N, C-alpha and C. Protein backbone atom coordinates (compact mmCIF):
# COMPACT_ATOMS: atom_id res chain seq x y z
N MET A 1 93.84 109.22 93.13
CA MET A 1 93.82 108.39 93.46
C MET A 1 93.25 107.76 95.18
N ASP A 2 93.04 107.22 94.86
CA ASP A 2 92.57 106.63 96.91
C ASP A 2 93.70 105.71 97.02
N ILE A 3 94.48 106.37 97.72
CA ILE A 3 95.57 105.30 98.43
C ILE A 3 95.43 103.94 99.54
N ALA A 4 94.63 104.84 99.95
CA ALA A 4 93.97 103.47 100.66
C ALA A 4 92.74 102.27 99.85
N ALA A 5 92.60 102.53 98.94
CA ALA A 5 91.61 101.33 97.93
C ALA A 5 93.14 100.50 97.76
N ASN A 6 93.45 101.33 97.27
CA ASN A 6 95.22 100.78 96.25
C ASN A 6 96.35 99.87 97.18
N PHE A 7 96.09 100.37 98.34
CA PHE A 7 97.43 100.05 98.96
C PHE A 7 96.03 98.48 99.41
N GLY A 8 95.05 98.73 99.93
CA GLY A 8 93.93 97.05 100.44
C GLY A 8 94.33 96.16 99.29
N ARG A 9 94.03 96.80 97.67
CA ARG A 9 93.92 95.68 96.07
C ARG A 9 95.36 95.18 96.33
N ASN A 10 96.57 95.98 96.84
CA ASN A 10 97.84 94.99 96.42
C ASN A 10 98.49 94.07 98.10
N LEU A 11 97.45 94.76 99.14
CA LEU A 11 97.65 93.31 100.17
C LEU A 11 96.94 92.73 100.13
N ALA A 12 95.42 92.31 99.43
CA ALA A 12 94.90 91.02 99.58
C ALA A 12 95.00 90.09 98.43
N ARG A 13 95.76 91.26 97.25
CA ARG A 13 96.57 90.22 96.51
C ARG A 13 97.24 89.36 96.92
N CYS A 14 98.54 90.18 97.31
CA CYS A 14 99.71 89.27 97.68
C CYS A 14 99.21 88.55 99.16
N ARG A 15 98.14 88.84 99.76
CA ARG A 15 98.24 87.56 100.88
C ARG A 15 97.16 86.22 100.16
N LYS A 16 96.72 86.86 99.23
CA LYS A 16 95.94 85.25 98.04
C LYS A 16 96.87 84.85 97.80
N ARG A 17 98.11 85.63 97.13
CA ARG A 17 98.92 84.87 96.18
C ARG A 17 99.85 83.77 97.87
N ALA A 18 100.16 84.36 98.61
CA ALA A 18 101.01 83.27 99.71
C ALA A 18 100.22 82.54 100.23
N LYS A 19 98.61 82.52 99.92
CA LYS A 19 98.10 81.53 100.60
C LYS A 19 97.75 81.78 102.09
N LEU A 20 97.28 82.20 102.08
CA LEU A 20 96.98 83.27 104.24
C LEU A 20 95.96 83.51 104.08
N SER A 21 94.92 83.15 104.74
CA SER A 21 93.92 83.99 105.29
C SER A 21 94.11 85.45 106.06
N GLN A 22 93.63 86.48 106.22
CA GLN A 22 92.99 87.01 106.67
C GLN A 22 93.50 86.67 108.53
N GLU A 23 92.91 86.25 108.84
CA GLU A 23 93.38 85.87 109.89
C GLU A 23 94.75 85.47 110.67
N GLU A 24 95.36 84.55 109.28
CA GLU A 24 97.16 83.86 109.29
C GLU A 24 98.12 84.81 109.78
N LEU A 25 97.47 86.03 108.65
CA LEU A 25 98.06 87.17 108.04
C LEU A 25 98.48 87.87 109.42
N ALA A 26 97.07 88.21 109.90
CA ALA A 26 96.84 89.33 111.04
C ALA A 26 98.46 88.80 112.25
N VAL A 27 98.17 87.14 112.71
CA VAL A 27 98.90 86.71 113.52
C VAL A 27 100.70 86.49 112.99
N ARG A 28 100.59 86.36 112.02
CA ARG A 28 102.13 85.88 111.56
C ARG A 28 102.72 88.51 111.57
N ALA A 29 102.10 88.87 111.88
CA ALA A 29 101.91 90.17 111.93
C ALA A 29 101.69 90.72 112.74
N SER A 30 101.66 90.46 114.00
CA SER A 30 101.27 90.55 115.32
C SER A 30 100.44 91.94 115.19
N LEU A 31 99.17 91.82 114.37
CA LEU A 31 97.85 92.59 114.44
C LEU A 31 97.11 91.84 114.37
N HIS A 32 95.62 93.01 114.64
CA HIS A 32 94.67 92.40 115.04
C HIS A 32 93.86 91.94 113.88
N ARG A 33 93.09 90.67 113.88
CA ARG A 33 92.26 89.94 113.15
C ARG A 33 92.04 91.08 112.14
N THR A 34 91.42 92.36 112.78
CA THR A 34 89.76 92.82 112.34
C THR A 34 91.08 94.01 111.48
N ALA A 35 92.25 93.91 111.74
CA ALA A 35 93.17 95.70 110.71
C ALA A 35 93.35 94.90 109.87
N VAL A 36 93.53 93.52 109.28
CA VAL A 36 94.06 93.51 107.63
C VAL A 36 92.85 93.41 107.43
N GLY A 37 91.29 93.00 107.10
CA GLY A 37 90.03 93.60 106.70
C GLY A 37 90.26 94.75 106.67
N GLN A 38 90.25 95.94 107.50
CA GLN A 38 89.94 97.04 106.81
C GLN A 38 91.34 97.54 105.97
N LEU A 39 92.18 97.04 106.53
CA LEU A 39 93.09 97.60 105.54
C LEU A 39 93.05 97.11 103.74
N GLU A 40 92.80 95.84 104.10
CA GLU A 40 92.02 95.76 102.93
C GLU A 40 91.37 95.85 101.98
N ARG A 41 90.16 96.39 102.69
CA ARG A 41 88.82 97.14 101.80
C ARG A 41 88.90 98.74 102.05
N GLY A 42 90.07 98.66 102.45
CA GLY A 42 90.79 100.40 102.22
C GLY A 42 89.85 101.39 103.45
N GLU A 43 89.67 100.99 104.33
CA GLU A 43 88.96 102.02 105.79
C GLU A 43 90.38 102.62 106.17
N ARG A 44 90.85 102.39 106.19
CA ARG A 44 92.17 102.53 107.01
C ARG A 44 93.68 102.54 106.15
N VAL A 45 94.50 103.00 105.81
CA VAL A 45 95.98 103.17 105.91
C VAL A 45 96.96 103.10 106.86
N ALA A 46 98.09 102.09 106.28
CA ALA A 46 98.97 101.62 107.39
C ALA A 46 99.74 102.59 107.50
N ARG A 47 100.09 102.18 108.81
CA ARG A 47 101.48 103.02 109.42
C ARG A 47 102.71 102.41 108.77
N VAL A 48 103.91 103.29 108.34
CA VAL A 48 104.81 102.41 108.14
C VAL A 48 105.66 100.83 108.97
N ASP A 49 105.56 101.08 109.93
CA ASP A 49 105.19 99.96 110.79
C ASP A 49 104.50 98.88 110.46
N THR A 50 103.37 99.41 110.40
CA THR A 50 102.23 98.36 110.00
C THR A 50 102.68 98.01 108.39
N LEU A 51 103.54 98.28 107.66
CA LEU A 51 103.61 97.96 106.46
C LEU A 51 104.98 96.93 106.11
N ILE A 52 105.99 97.34 107.31
CA ILE A 52 106.88 96.40 107.35
C ILE A 52 106.68 94.90 107.97
N LYS A 53 105.85 95.44 108.84
CA LYS A 53 104.97 93.80 109.44
C LYS A 53 104.58 93.15 108.41
N LEU A 54 103.11 93.39 107.67
CA LEU A 54 102.73 92.95 107.00
C LEU A 54 103.71 92.60 105.87
N ALA A 55 104.36 93.05 105.11
CA ALA A 55 105.72 93.06 104.19
C ALA A 55 106.24 91.84 104.78
N GLY A 56 107.23 91.69 105.92
CA GLY A 56 107.91 90.94 106.03
C GLY A 56 106.65 89.77 106.20
N SER A 57 105.62 89.50 106.90
CA SER A 57 105.04 88.41 107.03
C SER A 57 104.30 87.52 105.99
N LEU A 58 104.85 88.50 104.52
CA LEU A 58 104.07 87.84 103.22
C LEU A 58 105.43 87.61 102.23
N GLY A 59 106.77 87.75 102.98
CA GLY A 59 108.03 87.70 102.39
C GLY A 59 108.36 89.10 101.26
N ILE A 60 107.96 89.71 101.01
CA ILE A 60 107.85 90.28 100.02
C ILE A 60 108.73 91.71 101.20
N PRO A 61 109.25 92.46 99.42
CA PRO A 61 109.61 93.60 100.10
C PRO A 61 108.27 94.62 99.69
N PRO A 62 108.39 95.63 101.33
CA PRO A 62 107.72 96.78 101.30
C PRO A 62 107.03 97.33 100.23
N GLY A 63 107.72 97.50 99.04
CA GLY A 63 107.62 98.75 97.70
C GLY A 63 106.78 97.39 97.00
N GLU A 64 106.45 95.93 97.07
CA GLU A 64 105.22 95.26 96.38
C GLU A 64 104.03 96.25 96.45
N LEU A 65 103.94 96.47 98.35
CA LEU A 65 102.27 96.91 98.80
C LEU A 65 101.67 98.11 98.65
N LEU A 66 103.17 98.80 97.56
CA LEU A 66 102.62 100.56 96.73
C LEU A 66 102.85 100.44 95.88
N ASP A 67 102.60 98.89 95.18
CA ASP A 67 102.96 98.96 93.68
C ASP A 67 102.05 100.24 92.84
N GLY A 68 101.86 100.90 92.25
CA GLY A 68 100.74 101.66 91.57
C GLY A 68 100.77 102.91 91.96
N MET A 69 101.47 103.62 92.76
CA MET A 69 100.96 104.26 93.77
C MET A 69 102.80 105.17 93.64
N GLY A 70 102.44 106.95 93.12
CA GLY A 70 102.81 107.68 93.22
C GLY A 70 102.95 108.96 93.25
N TRP A 71 103.96 110.10 93.50
CA TRP A 71 103.63 111.24 94.20
C TRP A 71 103.96 111.68 92.84
N ALA A 72 103.46 113.01 92.39
CA ALA A 72 104.35 114.34 91.75
C ALA A 72 104.12 115.67 92.44
N PRO A 73 105.49 115.78 92.53
CA PRO A 73 105.21 116.99 93.44
C PRO A 73 103.99 118.57 92.63
N GLY A 74 103.56 119.13 93.43
CA GLY A 74 103.14 119.98 92.20
C GLY A 74 103.69 121.63 92.98
N GLY A 75 102.82 122.32 92.17
CA GLY A 75 103.04 123.82 92.65
C GLY A 75 103.14 124.00 94.45
N THR A 76 103.59 124.81 94.89
CA THR A 76 102.50 125.80 96.49
C THR A 76 102.61 126.76 96.37
N THR A 77 101.76 127.30 97.48
CA THR A 77 101.60 128.58 97.21
C THR A 77 101.89 128.75 99.56
N MET A 78 102.40 129.87 99.22
CA MET A 78 102.38 130.40 100.71
C MET A 78 101.12 131.19 101.80
N GLY A 79 100.58 130.17 102.95
CA GLY A 79 99.46 130.70 103.76
C GLY A 79 100.05 131.34 104.09
N GLN A 80 98.48 132.12 103.85
CA GLN A 80 98.56 133.74 105.25
C GLN A 80 97.71 133.67 106.14
N PHE A 81 97.84 134.63 107.47
CA PHE A 81 96.36 134.70 108.25
C PHE A 81 95.81 136.01 107.35
N GLU A 82 94.37 135.60 107.68
CA GLU A 82 93.70 136.39 106.97
C GLU A 82 93.01 137.00 108.07
N PRO A 83 92.28 138.30 108.19
CA PRO A 83 91.58 139.14 109.14
C PRO A 83 90.02 138.54 108.90
N GLN A 84 89.10 137.88 110.23
CA GLN A 84 88.14 138.14 110.04
C GLN A 84 86.99 138.80 110.46
N GLU A 85 85.38 139.32 110.48
CA GLU A 85 85.07 139.81 110.94
C GLU A 85 84.92 138.98 112.39
N VAL A 86 84.57 139.76 113.26
CA VAL A 86 84.09 139.87 114.56
C VAL A 86 82.56 139.67 114.45
N SER A 87 82.38 138.53 115.59
CA SER A 87 80.85 138.22 115.22
C SER A 87 79.95 138.88 116.17
N ASP A 88 78.76 139.64 116.29
CA ASP A 88 78.79 139.84 117.73
C ASP A 88 78.49 139.65 119.04
N ARG A 89 79.09 137.63 119.12
CA ARG A 89 79.11 137.39 120.40
C ARG A 89 79.88 137.63 120.65
N GLU A 90 81.59 137.41 120.09
CA GLU A 90 82.62 137.65 120.03
C GLU A 90 82.95 139.37 120.75
N GLU A 91 82.32 140.38 120.13
CA GLU A 91 82.22 141.47 120.39
C GLU A 91 81.77 141.84 121.95
N VAL A 92 80.52 140.75 122.07
CA VAL A 92 80.15 140.50 123.67
C VAL A 92 81.34 140.18 124.90
N LYS A 93 81.75 139.03 124.37
CA LYS A 93 83.20 138.31 125.18
C LYS A 93 83.83 139.39 125.35
N GLN A 94 84.67 139.61 124.01
CA GLN A 94 85.67 140.78 123.85
C GLN A 94 85.47 142.50 125.02
N ALA A 95 84.81 142.64 125.21
CA ALA A 95 83.53 143.70 125.96
C ALA A 95 83.98 143.55 127.85
N ALA A 96 83.67 142.09 127.24
CA ALA A 96 82.93 141.91 129.32
C ALA A 96 84.46 141.64 129.51
């Protein structure tokens, strides 16, 4: 799932339902006008404060901008360091 694209679709849907242009929404949310377009196109992921500004400016609960998104926890494994071969160039550095 592409979170940025899904958020963008939700944002565009809510903005159009509110009958606002991207520029009007940007002014209400104290964002740059290009930011709203980038968010709607899925080129950026909204920070939490931006999500709250947008939802407040649209008069909707923040969760509405997250519709259709969820998280399913997966398994976890612990990472570990592994030895790597030292390249000739690194051997020269270490010898110096």
